Amino acid sequence: GPVEISPPFGSKVIKVETADQMYEAVHSALPADGAFFTAAVADWKVIKTKNQKLKKQNGMVPTFDLSETEDILASVSKLKKNRPKMVIGFAAETSDLHKNAETKFKKKGCDWIIANDVSDSTGIMGGDDNRITIFTKKKKEDWPLMSKKSVARKLAAKICDALEL
C-alpha cells in the first residue's frame, strides 16, 4: 500500500492500493522461491464505492454492503503451478494463540504459520520484544521472549536453512 518509506536496496516494488490489486500483484510476481505473508491486507471490501464525499444525513448512520476479499495466503499456498517452495503466514492473535494459529495453519495450507500473542498485556505491539510460536506440519516450536531483532535474525536463518540457501 501507499507508504512514505524507501524500499530496501535491490528490492522490486509493485505499488497497490486495494486488496484486489494486491492479489493480482502477488500472483503476477510468481514464480518465487519463497512467499512470506506478514499480515492480511483486509478481510472485507465495500461492494459499491462512490467518487464523491458521503455527506452527513441528520444523524443517520450510513450502511455499506461488504464482500470478502480474496485470501492471498491461501490462494498461493494451494497453487498447483508456480507455488513457491516455501509459503509462510503470520498470525497475530489476542486470544487462544495456539488454537487459533493451528486452525489458521490448517485452513490456509501454507508450510509454516508464525504466531504471536499481541494482546495488550504482552506489550509486543509497539514494544521491543517478541515471543513467537512456529507451526509446521511436523511440530510446534515455542520460542522464548527475545528482542524483535533477535527474532528476525533467528527466523531469517531458519528460513534460509529450510530453503537450503
Foldseek 3Di string as FASTA:
>chain_A
DDDDDDDPPPDDDDDDDDLVVVLVVVVVPFQDQEAEAEDRPDQKDFPDDDPDDDDDDPPDDDDTDIDGGDDNQLVLLPDPPRRHPFYEYEAAAQPPFVVVQVVCCVVSNGAKYKYFHPHPVVCPVVDQKTWIWIDGPVDIRTDDIDGPVVVVVVVVVVVCVVSVD
